[in-house]
């Protein structure tokens, strides 16, 4: 579909008087492609998120959007893992300080 549109666009932008038949052929190919897409529309049962439609309408490549979303998730995952590691260190330090300062509470910490 995109190549058909591209070829029609090139023909229109480079239009010359003797290119009528070529332009008509490209437009006919475009019409036939659109008809075949219209026939296929009922066989496809996919829900497309509205934000994805907006992305395409704004001329943004959906693959780049997905790449950005994945990078955002990776960043958030790293941040969360850092927090988890910090909490583990805090827990370990608290346990060691409680064992030193409150030795009678130490046996109760082992189950936590």
PDB file of N, CA and C in Angstrom:
ATOM      1  N   UNK A   1       0.825  -1.186   0.000  1.00  0.00           N
ATOM      2  CA  UNK A   1       0.000   0.000   0.000  1.00  0.00           C
ATOM      3  C   UNK A   1       0.875   1.257   0.000  1.00  0.00           C
ATOM      4  N   UNK A   2       1.883   1.252   0.842  1.00  0.00           N
ATOM      5  CA  UNK A   2       2.725   2.446   0.905  1.00  0.00           C
ATOM      6  C   UNK A   2       3.493   2.664  -0.393  1.00  0.00           C
ATOM      7  N   UNK A   3       3.924   1.568  -1.026  1.00  0.00           N
ATOM      8  CA  UNK A   3       4.650   1.738  -2.292  1.00  0.00           C
ATOM      9  C   UNK A   3       3.717   2.254  -3.389  1.00  0.00           C
ATOM     10  N   UNK A   4       2.459   1.802  -3.359  1.00  0.00           N
ATOM     11  CA  UNK A   4       1.483   2.283  -4.348  1.00  0.00           C
ATOM     12  C   UNK A   4       1.256   3.778  -4.156  1.00  0.00           C
ATOM     13  N   UNK A   5       1.090   4.203  -2.899  1.00  0.00           N
ATOM     14  CA  UNK A   5       0.909   5.629  -2.623  1.00  0.00           C
ATOM     15  C   UNK A   5       2.150   6.429  -3.007  1.00  0.00           C
ATOM     16  N   UNK A   6       3.304   5.883  -2.708  1.00  0.00           N
ATOM     17  CA  UNK A   6       4.551   6.575  -3.029  1.00  0.00           C
ATOM     18  C   UNK A   6       4.688   6.770  -4.540  1.00  0.00           C
ATOM     19  N   UNK A   7       4.434   5.696  -5.287  1.00  0.00           N
ATOM     20  CA  UNK A   7       4.563   5.789  -6.747  1.00  0.00           C
ATOM     21  C   UNK A   7       3.569   6.779  -7.330  1.00  0.00           C
ATOM     22  N   UNK A   8       2.342   6.772  -6.811  1.00  0.00           N
ATOM     23  CA  UNK A   8       1.344   7.740  -7.289  1.00  0.00           C
ATOM     24  C   UNK A   8       1.788   9.164  -6.956  1.00  0.00           C
ATOM     25  N   UNK A   9       2.330   9.355  -5.766  1.00  0.00           N
ATOM     26  CA  UNK A   9       2.808  10.677  -5.370  1.00  0.00           C
ATOM     27  C   UNK A   9       3.950  11.165  -6.235  1.00  0.00           C
ATOM     28  N   UNK A  10       4.870  10.271  -6.573  1.00  0.00           N
ATOM     29  CA  UNK A  10       6.000  10.643  -7.436  1.00  0.00           C
ATOM     30  C   UNK A  10       5.486  11.026  -8.812  1.00  0.00           C
ATOM     31  N   UNK A  11       4.530  10.260  -9.310  1.00  0.00           N
ATOM     32  CA  UNK A  11       3.981  10.554 -10.639  1.00  0.00           C
ATOM     33  C   UNK A  11       3.278  11.904 -10.649  1.00  0.00           C
ATOM     34  N   UNK A  12       2.553  12.207  -9.570  1.00  0.00           N
ATOM     35  CA  UNK A  12       1.855  13.498  -9.489  1.00  0.00           C
ATOM     36  C   UNK A  12       2.860  14.640  -9.372  1.00  0.00           C
ATOM     37  N   UNK A  13       3.881  14.459  -8.537  1.00  0.00           N
ATOM     38  CA  UNK A  13       4.836  15.557  -8.348  1.00  0.00           C
ATOM     39  C   UNK A  13       5.693  15.802  -9.588  1.00  0.00           C
ATOM     40  N   UNK A  14       5.942  14.763 -10.378  1.00  0.00           N
ATOM     41  CA  UNK A  14       6.721  14.912 -11.612  1.00  0.00           C
ATOM     42  C   UNK A  14       5.819  14.898 -12.855  1.00  0.00           C
ATOM     43  N   UNK A  15       4.596  15.350 -12.687  1.00  0.00           N
ATOM     44  CA  UNK A  15       3.613  15.250 -13.771  1.00  0.00           C
ATOM     45  C   UNK A  15       4.042  16.052 -14.996  1.00  0.00           C
ATOM     46  N   UNK A  16       3.879  15.379 -16.143  1.00  0.00           N
ATOM     47  CA  UNK A  16       4.091  16.012 -17.439  1.00  0.00           C
ATOM     48  C   UNK A  16       2.906  15.624 -18.321  1.00  0.00           C
ATOM     49  N   UNK A  17       2.702  16.327 -19.372  1.00  0.00           N
ATOM     50  CA  UNK A  17       1.535  16.085 -20.219  1.00  0.00           C
ATOM     51  C   UNK A  17       1.497  14.674 -20.778  1.00  0.00           C
ATOM     52  N   UNK A  18       2.623  14.108 -21.065  1.00  0.00           N
ATOM     53  CA  UNK A  18       2.644  12.767 -21.664  1.00  0.00           C
ATOM     54  C   UNK A  18       2.583  11.654 -20.609  1.00  0.00           C
ATOM     55  N   UNK A  19       2.401  11.990 -19.342  1.00  0.00           N
ATOM     56  CA  UNK A  19       2.351  10.959 -18.304  1.00  0.00           C
ATOM     57  C   UNK A  19       0.929  10.681 -17.816  1.00  0.00           C
ATOM     58  N   UNK A  20      -0.071  11.052 -18.634  1.00  0.00           N
ATOM     59  CA  UNK A  20      -1.471  10.804 -18.255  1.00  0.00           C
ATOM     60  C   UNK A  20      -1.753   9.326 -18.051  1.00  0.00           C
ATOM     61  N   UNK A  21      -1.295   8.495 -18.989  1.00  0.00           N
ATOM     62  CA  UNK A  21      -1.587   7.064 -18.898  1.00  0.00           C
ATOM     63  C   UNK A  21      -0.918   6.438 -17.678  1.00  0.00           C
ATOM     64  N   UNK A  22       0.286   6.870 -17.387  1.00  0.00           N
ATOM     65  CA  UNK A  22       1.000   6.343 -16.219  1.00  0.00           C
ATOM     66  C   UNK A  22       0.263   6.752 -14.948  1.00  0.00           C
ATOM     67  N   UNK A  23      -0.153   8.005 -14.872  1.00  0.00           N
ATOM     68  CA  UNK A  23      -0.877   8.485 -13.693  1.00  0.00           C
ATOM     69  C   UNK A  23      -2.206   7.753 -13.540  1.00  0.00           C
ATOM     70  N   UNK A  24      -2.919   7.559 -14.621  1.00  0.00           N
ATOM     71  CA  UNK A  24      -4.195   6.833 -14.549  1.00  0.00           C
ATOM     72  C   UNK A  24      -3.979   5.396 -14.097  1.00  0.00           C
ATOM     73  N   UNK A  25      -2.930   4.772 -14.571  1.00  0.00           N
ATOM     74  CA  UNK A  25      -2.625   3.396 -14.168  1.00  0.00           C
ATOM     75  C   UNK A  25      -2.287   3.330 -12.684  1.00  0.00           C
ATOM     76  N   UNK A  26      -1.530   4.287 -12.210  1.00  0.00           N
ATOM     77  CA  UNK A  26      -1.162   4.303 -10.785  1.00  0.00           C
ATOM     78  C   UNK A  26      -2.392   4.573  -9.916  1.00  0.00           C
ATOM     79  N   UNK A  27      -3.257   5.463 -10.370  1.00  0.00           N
ATOM     80  CA  UNK A  27      -4.484   5.737  -9.613  1.00  0.00           C
ATOM     81  C   UNK A  27      -5.380   4.504  -9.611  1.00  0.00           C
ATOM     82  N   UNK A  28      -5.469   3.814 -10.734  1.00  0.00           N
ATOM     83  CA  UNK A  28      -6.265   2.584 -10.804  1.00  0.00           C
ATOM     84  C   UNK A  28      -5.692   1.520  -9.854  1.00  0.00           C
ATOM     85  N   UNK A  29      -4.380   1.403  -9.821  1.00  0.00           N
ATOM     86  CA  UNK A  29      -3.739   0.460  -8.895  1.00  0.00           C
ATOM     87  C   UNK A  29      -4.049   0.837  -7.458  1.00  0.00           C
ATOM     88  N   UNK A  30      -4.024   2.116  -7.153  1.00  0.00           N
ATOM     89  CA  UNK A  30      -4.355   2.592  -5.808  1.00  0.00           C
ATOM     90  C   UNK A  30      -5.798   2.252  -5.453  1.00  0.00           C
ATOM     91  N   UNK A  31      -6.702   2.476  -6.378  1.00  0.00           N
ATOM     92  CA  UNK A  31      -8.124   2.171  -6.140  1.00  0.00           C
ATOM     93  C   UNK A  31      -8.303   0.665  -5.910  1.00  0.00           C
ATOM     94  N   UNK A  32      -7.664  -0.154  -6.708  1.00  0.00           N
ATOM     95  CA  UNK A  32      -7.767  -1.607  -6.542  1.00  0.00           C
ATOM     96  C   UNK A  32      -7.183  -2.060  -5.202  1.00  0.00           C
ATOM     97  N   UNK A  33      -6.081  -1.456  -4.807  1.00  0.00           N
ATOM     98  CA  UNK A  33      -5.478  -1.792  -3.511  1.00  0.00           C
ATOM     99  C   UNK A  33      -6.403  -1.410  -2.369  1.00  0.00           C
ATOM    100  N   UNK A  34      -7.010  -0.237  -2.467  1.00  0.00           N
ATOM    101  CA  UNK A  34      -7.953   0.188  -1.430  1.00  0.00           C
ATOM    102  C   UNK A  34      -9.180  -0.723  -1.384  1.00  0.00           C
ATOM    103  N   UNK A  35      -9.655  -1.171  -2.551  1.00  0.00           N
ATOM    104  CA  UNK A  35     -10.779  -2.109  -2.580  1.00  0.00           C
ATOM    105  C   UNK A  35     -10.419  -3.418  -1.891  1.00  0.00           C
ATOM    106  N   UNK A  36      -9.220  -3.921  -2.171  1.00  0.00           N
ATOM    107  CA  UNK A  36      -8.820  -5.195  -1.538  1.00  0.00           C
ATOM    108  C   UNK A  36      -8.649  -5.025  -0.031  1.00  0.00           C
ATOM    109  N   UNK A  37      -8.158  -3.885   0.390  1.00  0.00           N
ATOM    110  CA  UNK A  37      -8.070  -3.621   1.830  1.00  0.00           C
ATOM    111  C   UNK A  37      -9.456  -3.549   2.452  1.00  0.00           C
ATOM    112  N   UNK A  38     -10.384  -2.932   1.749  1.00  0.00           N
ATOM    113  CA  UNK A  38     -11.752  -2.831   2.255  1.00  0.00           C
ATOM    114  C   UNK A  38     -12.391  -4.210   2.388  1.00  0.00           C
ATOM    115  N   UNK A  39     -12.109  -5.096   1.451  1.00  0.00           N
ATOM    116  CA  UNK A  39     -12.642  -6.460   1.525  1.00  0.00           C
ATOM    117  C   UNK A  39     -12.042  -7.239   2.694  1.00  0.00           C
ATOM    118  N   UNK A  40     -10.801  -6.949   3.033  1.00  0.00           N
ATOM    119  CA  UNK A  40     -10.118  -7.658   4.115  1.00  0.00           C
ATOM    120  C   UNK A  40     -10.483  -7.144   5.509  1.00  0.00           C
ATOM    121  N   UNK A  41     -11.087  -5.977   5.588  1.00  0.00           N
ATOM    122  CA  UNK A  41     -11.303  -5.355   6.891  1.00  0.00           C
ATOM    123  C   UNK A  41     -12.156  -6.203   7.830  1.00  0.00           C
ATOM    124  N   UNK A  42     -13.094  -6.977   7.303  1.00  0.00           N
ATOM    125  CA  UNK A  42     -13.956  -7.786   8.163  1.00  0.00           C
ATOM    126  C   UNK A  42     -13.271  -9.067   8.632  1.00  0.00           C
ATOM    127  N   UNK A  43     -12.196  -9.454   7.974  1.00  0.00           N
ATOM    128  CA  UNK A  43     -11.499 -10.685   8.371  1.00  0.00           C
ATOM    129  C   UNK A  43     -10.474 -10.448   9.475  1.00  0.00           C
ATOM    130  N   UNK A  44     -10.119  -9.196   9.704  1.00  0.00           N
ATOM    131  CA  UNK A  44      -9.122  -8.865  10.717  1.00  0.00           C
ATOM    132  C   UNK A  44      -9.828  -8.415  11.982  1.00  0.00           C
ATOM    133  N   UNK A  45      -9.544  -9.096  13.074  1.00  0.00           N
ATOM    134  CA  UNK A  45     -10.175  -8.773  14.360  1.00  0.00           C
ATOM    135  C   UNK A  45      -9.109  -8.304  15.338  1.00  0.00           C
ATOM    136  N   UNK A  46      -8.517  -7.181  15.073  1.00  0.00           N
ATOM    137  CA  UNK A  46      -7.473  -6.620  15.935  1.00  0.00           C
ATOM    138  C   UNK A  46      -7.934  -5.274  16.465  1.00  0.00           C
ATOM    139  N   UNK A  47      -7.738  -5.083  17.750  1.00  0.00           N
ATOM    140  CA  UNK A  47      -8.006  -3.782  18.346  1.00  0.00           C
ATOM    141  C   UNK A  47      -6.715  -2.976  18.337  1.00  0.00           C
ATOM    142  N   UNK A  48      -6.788  -1.807  17.776  1.00  0.00           N
ATOM    143  CA  UNK A  48      -5.627  -0.933  17.719  1.00  0.00           C
ATOM    144  C   UNK A  48      -5.851   0.189  18.724  1.00  0.00           C
ATOM    145  N   UNK A  49      -4.913   0.370  19.651  1.00  0.00           N
ATOM    146  CA  UNK A  49      -5.072   1.440  20.642  1.00  0.00           C
ATOM    147  C   UNK A  49      -5.168   2.804  19.964  1.00  0.00           C
ATOM    148  N   UNK A  50      -5.997   3.655  20.528  1.00  0.00           N
ATOM    149  CA  UNK A  50      -6.199   4.980  19.939  1.00  0.00           C
ATOM    150  C   UNK A  50      -4.906   5.786  19.903  1.00  0.00           C
ATOM    151  N   UNK A  51      -4.060   5.639  20.929  1.00  0.00           N
ATOM    152  CA  UNK A  51      -2.816   6.410  20.902  1.00  0.00           C
ATOM    153  C   UNK A  51      -1.920   5.977  19.745  1.00  0.00           C
ATOM    154  N   UNK A  52      -2.004   4.704  19.344  1.00  0.00           N
ATOM    155  CA  UNK A  52      -1.217   4.242  18.204  1.00  0.00           C
ATOM    156  C   UNK A  52      -1.729   4.877  16.913  1.00  0.00           C
ATOM    157  N   UNK A  53      -3.044   5.004  16.790  1.00  0.00           N
ATOM    158  CA  UNK A  53      -3.617   5.661  15.606  1.00  0.00           C
ATOM    159  C   UNK A  53      -3.171   7.119  15.555  1.00  0.00           C
ATOM    160  N   UNK A  54      -3.190   7.790  16.711  1.00  0.00           N
ATOM    161  CA  UNK A  54      -2.746   9.183  16.764  1.00  0.00           C
ATOM    162  C   UNK A  54      -1.278   9.305  16.386  1.00  0.00           C
ATOM    163  N   UNK A  55      -0.471   8.355  16.824  1.00  0.00           N
ATOM    164  CA  UNK A  55       0.958   8.370  16.499  1.00  0.00           C
ATOM    165  C   UNK A  55       1.150   8.279  14.989  1.00  0.00           C
ATOM    166  N   UNK A  56       0.446   7.350  14.363  1.00  0.00           N
ATOM    167  CA  UNK A  56       0.567   7.176  12.909  1.00  0.00           C
ATOM    168  C   UNK A  56       0.056   8.414  12.181  1.00  0.00           C
ATOM    169  N   UNK A  57      -1.062   8.977  12.643  1.00  0.00           N
ATOM    170  CA  UNK A  57      -1.600  10.174  11.998  1.00  0.00           C
ATOM    171  C   UNK A  57      -0.670  11.365  12.131  1.00  0.00           C
ATOM    172  N   UNK A  58       0.127  11.390  13.188  1.00  0.00           N
ATOM    173  CA  UNK A  58       1.080  12.482  13.382  1.00  0.00           C
ATOM    174  C   UNK A  58       2.392  12.232  12.650  1.00  0.00           C
ATOM    175  N   UNK A  59       2.468  11.134  11.901  1.00  0.00           N
ATOM    176  CA  UNK A  59       3.640  10.852  11.087  1.00  0.00           C
ATOM    177  C   UNK A  59       4.804  10.254  11.851  1.00  0.00           C
ATOM    178  N   UNK A  60       4.521   9.680  13.024  1.00  0.00           N
ATOM    179  CA  UNK A  60       5.578   9.061  13.826  1.00  0.00           C
ATOM    180  C   UNK A  60       5.587   7.564  13.541  1.00  0.00           C
ATOM    181  N   UNK A  61       6.762   7.011  13.416  1.00  0.00           N
ATOM    182  CA  UNK A  61       6.904   5.580  13.174  1.00  0.00           C
ATOM    183  C   UNK A  61       6.533   4.816  14.451  1.00  0.00           C
ATOM    184  N   UNK A  62       5.551   3.909  14.390  1.00  0.00           N
ATOM    185  CA  UNK A  62       5.154   3.157  15.588  1.00  0.00           C
ATOM    186  C   UNK A  62       6.285   2.344  16.197  1.00  0.00           C
ATOM    187  N   UNK A  63       7.224   1.890  15.387  1.00  0.00           N
ATOM    188  CA  UNK A  63       8.354   1.127  15.925  1.00  0.00           C
ATOM    189  C   UNK A  63       9.208   2.003  16.836  1.00  0.00           C
ATOM    190  N   UNK A  64       9.355   3.284  16.471  1.00  0.00           N
ATOM    191  CA  UNK A  64      10.122   4.204  17.318  1.00  0.00           C
ATOM    192  C   UNK A  64       9.391   4.469  18.623  1.00  0.00           C
ATOM    193  N   UNK A  65       8.066   4.562  18.551  1.00  0.00           N
ATOM    194  CA  UNK A  65       7.279   4.753  19.769  1.00  0.00           C
ATOM    195  C   UNK A  65       7.453   3.553  20.681  1.00  0.00           C
ATOM    196  N   UNK A  66       7.381   2.355  20.123  1.00  0.00           N
ATOM    197  CA  UNK A  66       7.543   1.138  20.921  1.00  0.00           C
ATOM    198  C   UNK A  66       8.940   1.094  21.531  1.00  0.00           C
ATOM    199  N   UNK A  67       9.944   1.492  20.768  1.00  0.00           N
ATOM    200  CA  UNK A  67      11.311   1.525  21.277  1.00  0.00           C
ATOM    201  C   UNK A  67      11.411   2.484  22.462  1.00  0.00           C
ATOM    202  N   UNK A  68      10.786   3.653  22.352  1.00  0.00           N
ATOM    203  CA  UNK A  68      10.800   4.621  23.451  1.00  0.00           C
ATOM    204  C   UNK A  68      10.079   4.069  24.677  1.00  0.00           C
ATOM    205  N   UNK A  69       8.957   3.384  24.461  1.00  0.00           N
ATOM    206  CA  UNK A  69       8.214   2.806  25.577  1.00  0.00           C
ATOM    207  C   UNK A  69       9.029   1.721  26.264  1.00  0.00           C
ATOM    208  N   UNK A  70       9.704   0.898  25.488  1.00  0.00           N
ATOM    209  CA  UNK A  70      10.537  -0.162  26.064  1.00  0.00           C
ATOM    210  C   UNK A  70      11.685   0.455  26.859  1.00  0.00           C
ATOM    211  N   UNK A  71      12.302   1.493  26.335  1.00  0.00           N
ATOM    212  CA  UNK A  71      13.393   2.150  27.054  1.00  0.00           C
ATOM    213  C   UNK A  71      12.892   2.755  28.360  1.00  0.00           C
ATOM    214  N   UNK A  72      11.701   3.337  28.344  1.00  0.00           N
ATOM    215  CA  UNK A  72      11.110   3.885  29.569  1.00  0.00           C
ATOM    216  C   UNK A  72      10.894   2.784  30.595  1.00  0.00           C
ATOM    217  N   UNK A  73      10.389   1.635  30.141  1.00  0.00           N
ATOM    218  CA  UNK A  73      10.177   0.514  31.057  1.00  0.00           C
ATOM    219  C   UNK A  73      11.498  -0.017  31.616  1.00  0.00           C
ATOM    220  N   UNK A  74      12.516  -0.081  30.778  1.00  0.00           N
ATOM    221  CA  UNK A  74      13.835  -0.534  31.248  1.00  0.00           C
ATOM    222  C   UNK A  74      14.361   0.427  32.313  1.00  0.00           C
ATOM    223  N   UNK A  75      14.226   1.730  32.069  1.00  0.00           N
ATOM    224  CA  UNK A  75      14.683   2.725  33.040  1.00  0.00           C
ATOM    225  C   UNK A  75      13.942   2.591  34.368  1.00  0.00           C
ATOM    226  N   UNK A  76      12.616   2.435  34.296  1.00  0.00           N
ATOM    227  CA  UNK A  76      11.821   2.274  35.518  1.00  0.00           C
ATOM    228  C   UNK A  76      12.191   0.989  36.245  1.00  0.00           C
ATOM    229  N   UNK A  77      12.456  -0.071  35.486  1.00  0.00           N
ATOM    230  CA  UNK A  77      12.847  -1.345  36.086  1.00  0.00           C
ATOM    231  C   UNK A  77      14.173  -1.207  36.822  1.00  0.00           C
ATOM    232  N   UNK A  78      15.134  -0.526  36.210  1.00  0.00           N
ATOM    233  CA  UNK A  78      16.429  -0.315  36.856  1.00  0.00           C
ATOM    234  C   UNK A  78      16.273   0.516  38.127  1.00  0.00           C
ATOM    235  N   UNK A  79      15.432   1.528  38.066  1.00  0.00           N
ATOM    236  CA  UNK A  79      15.193   2.369  39.240  1.00  0.00           C
ATOM    237  C   UNK A  79      14.559   1.554  40.361  1.00  0.00           C
ATOM    238  N   UNK A  80      13.583   0.720  40.010  1.00  0.00           N
ATOM    239  CA  UNK A  80      12.922  -0.129  41.011  1.00  0.00           C
ATOM    240  C   UNK A  80      13.900  -1.131  41.601  1.00  0.00           C
ATOM    241  N   UNK A  81      14.732  -1.736  40.762  1.00  0.00           N
ATOM    242  CA  UNK A  81      15.738  -2.676  41.267  1.00  0.00           C
ATOM    243  C   UNK A  81      16.720  -1.981  42.204  1.00  0.00           C
ATOM    244  N   UNK A  82      17.079  -0.747  41.900  1.00  0.00           N
ATOM    245  CA  UNK A  82      17.949   0.023  42.784  1.00  0.00           C
ATOM    246  C   UNK A  82      17.299   0.258  44.135  1.00  0.00           C
ATOM    247  N   UNK A  83      16.012   0.562  44.124  1.00  0.00           N
ATOM    248  CA  UNK A  83      15.280   0.754  45.385  1.00  0.00           C
ATOM    249  C   UNK A  83      15.235  -0.541  46.187  1.00  0.00           C
ATOM    250  N   UNK A  84      15.006  -1.643  45.502  1.00  0.00           N
ATOM    251  CA  UNK A  84      14.954  -2.943  46.188  1.00  0.00           C
ATOM    252  C   UNK A  84      16.298  -3.237  46.836  1.00  0.00           C
ATOM    253  N   UNK A  85      17.385  -3.009  46.117  1.00  0.00           N
ATOM    254  CA  UNK A  85      18.715  -3.246  46.670  1.00  0.00           C
ATOM    255  C   UNK A  85      18.981  -2.336  47.871  1.00  0.00           C
ATOM    256  N   UNK A  86      18.540  -1.079  47.774  1.00  0.00           N
ATOM    257  CA  UNK A  86      18.715  -0.152  48.896  1.00  0.00           C
ATOM    258  C   UNK A  86      17.946  -0.623  50.119  1.00  0.00           C
ATOM    259  N   UNK A  87      16.737  -1.104  49.906  1.00  0.00           N
ATOM    260  CA  UNK A  87      15.941  -1.599  51.034  1.00  0.00           C
ATOM    261  C   UNK A  87      16.556  -2.857  51.643  1.00  0.00           C
ATOM    262  N   UNK A  88      17.122  -3.717  50.813  1.00  0.00           N
ATOM    263  CA  UNK A  88      17.800  -4.905  51.335  1.00  0.00           C
ATOM    264  C   UNK A  88      19.003  -4.512  52.191  1.00  0.00           C
ATOM    265  N   UNK A  89      19.771  -3.518  51.733  1.00  0.00           N
ATOM    266  CA  UNK A  89      20.910  -3.035  52.510  1.00  0.00           C
ATOM    267  C   UNK A  89      20.448  -2.416  53.824  1.00  0.00           C
ATOM    268  N   UNK A  90      19.376  -1.638  53.770  1.00  0.00           N
ATOM    269  CA  UNK A  90      18.822  -1.036  54.983  1.00  0.00           C
ATOM    270  C   UNK A  90      18.381  -2.108  55.960  1.00  0.00           C
ATOM    271  N   UNK A  91      17.699  -3.114  55.481  1.00  0.00           N
ATOM    272  CA  UNK A  91      17.237  -4.210  56.334  1.00  0.00           C
ATOM    273  C   UNK A  91      18.420  -4.917  56.993  1.00  0.00           C
ATOM    274  N   UNK A  92      19.443  -5.194  56.189  1.00  0.00           N
ATOM    275  CA  UNK A  92      20.628  -5.870  56.713  1.00  0.00           C
ATOM    276  C   UNK A  92      21.307  -5.028  57.791  1.00  0.00           C
ATOM    277  N   UNK A  93      21.437  -3.742  57.527  1.00  0.00           N
ATOM    278  CA  UNK A  93      22.068  -2.848  58.505  1.00  0.00           C
ATOM    279  C   UNK A  93      21.240  -2.753  59.781  1.00  0.00           C
ATOM    280  N   UNK A  94      19.923  -2.652  59.630  1.00  0.00           N
ATOM    281  CA  UNK A  94      19.044  -2.603  60.809  1.00  0.00           C
ATOM    282  C   UNK A  94      19.157  -3.884  61.628  1.00  0.00           C
ATOM    283  N   UNK A  95      19.176  -5.025  60.945  1.00  0.00           N
ATOM    284  CA  UNK A  95      19.297  -6.299  61.656  1.00  0.00           C
ATOM    285  C   UNK A  95      20.611  -6.378  62.427  1.00  0.00           C
ATOM    286  N   UNK A  96      21.708  -5.950  61.784  1.00  0.00           N
ATOM    287  CA  UNK A  96      23.003  -6.028  62.478  1.00  0.00           C
ATOM    288  C   UNK A  96      23.048  -5.068  63.663  1.00  0.00           C
ATOM    289  N   UNK A  97      22.460  -3.886  63.516  1.00  0.00           N
ATOM    290  CA  UNK A  97      22.446  -2.929  64.632  1.00  0.00           C
ATOM    291  C   UNK A  97      21.545  -3.404  65.770  1.00  0.00           C
ATOM    292  N   UNK A  98      20.442  -4.040  65.430  1.00  0.00           N
ATOM    293  CA  UNK A  98      19.555  -4.577  66.476  1.00  0.00           C
ATOM    294  C   UNK A  98      20.252  -5.718  67.203  1.00  0.00           C
ATOM    295  N   UNK A  99      20.970  -6.567  66.473  1.00  0.00           N
ATOM    296  CA  UNK A  99      21.695  -7.679  67.110  1.00  0.00           C
ATOM    297  C   UNK A  99      22.752  -7.158  68.091  1.00  0.00           C
ATOM    298  N   UNK A 100      23.409  -6.053  67.725  1.00  0.00           N
ATOM    299  CA  UNK A 100      24.440  -5.485  68.592  1.00  0.00           C
ATOM    300  C   UNK A 100      23.813  -4.784  69.803  1.00  0.00           C
ATOM    301  N   UNK A 101      22.801  -3.968  69.541  1.00  0.00           N
ATOM    302  CA  UNK A 101      22.233  -3.125  70.600  1.00  0.00           C
ATOM    303  C   UNK A 101      21.109  -3.793  71.397  1.00  0.00           C
ATOM    304  N   UNK A 102      20.412  -4.749  70.792  1.00  0.00           N
ATOM    305  CA  UNK A 102      19.317  -5.445  71.468  1.00  0.00           C
ATOM    306  C   UNK A 102      19.451  -6.942  71.220  1.00  0.00           C
ATOM    307  N   UNK A 103      20.422  -7.583  71.842  1.00  0.00           N
ATOM    308  CA  UNK A 103      20.685  -8.997  71.558  1.00  0.00           C
ATOM    309  C   UNK A 103      19.504  -9.913  71.884  1.00  0.00           C
ATOM    310  N   UNK A 104      18.650  -9.517  72.813  1.00  0.00           N
ATOM    311  CA  UNK A 104      17.505 -10.360  73.140  1.00  0.00           C
ATOM    312  C   UNK A 104      16.437 -10.349  72.048  1.00  0.00           C
ATOM    313  N   UNK A 105      16.460  -9.369  71.152  1.00  0.00           N
ATOM    314  CA  UNK A 105      15.506  -9.314  70.027  1.00  0.00           C
ATOM    315  C   UNK A 105      16.026 -10.056  68.783  1.00  0.00           C
ATOM    316  N   UNK A 106      17.303 -10.340  68.753  1.00  0.00           N
ATOM    317  CA  UNK A 106      17.933 -10.962  67.573  1.00  0.00           C
ATOM    318  C   UNK A 106      17.254 -12.237  67.116  1.00  0.00           C
ATOM    319  N   UNK A 107      16.862 -13.178  68.037  1.00  0.00           N
ATOM    320  CA  UNK A 107      16.216 -14.401  67.563  1.00  0.00           C
ATOM    321  C   UNK A 107      14.889 -14.139  66.827  1.00  0.00           C
ATOM    322  N   UNK A 108      14.208 -13.058  67.174  1.00  0.00           N
ATOM    323  CA  UNK A 108      12.924 -12.733  66.543  1.00  0.00           C
ATOM    324  C   UNK A 108      13.090 -12.178  65.119  1.00  0.00           C
ATOM    325  N   UNK A 109      14.278 -11.696  64.800  1.00  0.00           N
ATOM    326  CA  UNK A 109      14.523 -11.115  63.472  1.00  0.00           C
ATOM    327  C   UNK A 109      14.704 -12.167  62.399  1.00  0.00           C
ATOM    328  N   UNK A 110      15.093 -13.365  62.772  1.00  0.00           N
ATOM    329  CA  UNK A 110      15.412 -14.398  61.786  1.00  0.00           C
ATOM    330  C   UNK A 110      14.198 -14.781  60.929  1.00  0.00           C
ATOM    331  N   UNK A 111      13.012 -14.638  61.450  1.00  0.00           N
ATOM    332  CA  UNK A 111      11.814 -15.018  60.686  1.00  0.00           C
ATOM    333  C   UNK A 111      11.264 -13.922  59.825  1.00  0.00           C
ATOM    334  N   UNK A 112      11.815 -12.720  59.897  1.00  0.00           N
ATOM    335  CA  UNK A 112      11.286 -11.601  59.141  1.00  0.00           C
ATOM    336  C   UNK A 112      11.887 -11.496  57.785  1.00  0.00           C
TER     337      UNK A 112
END
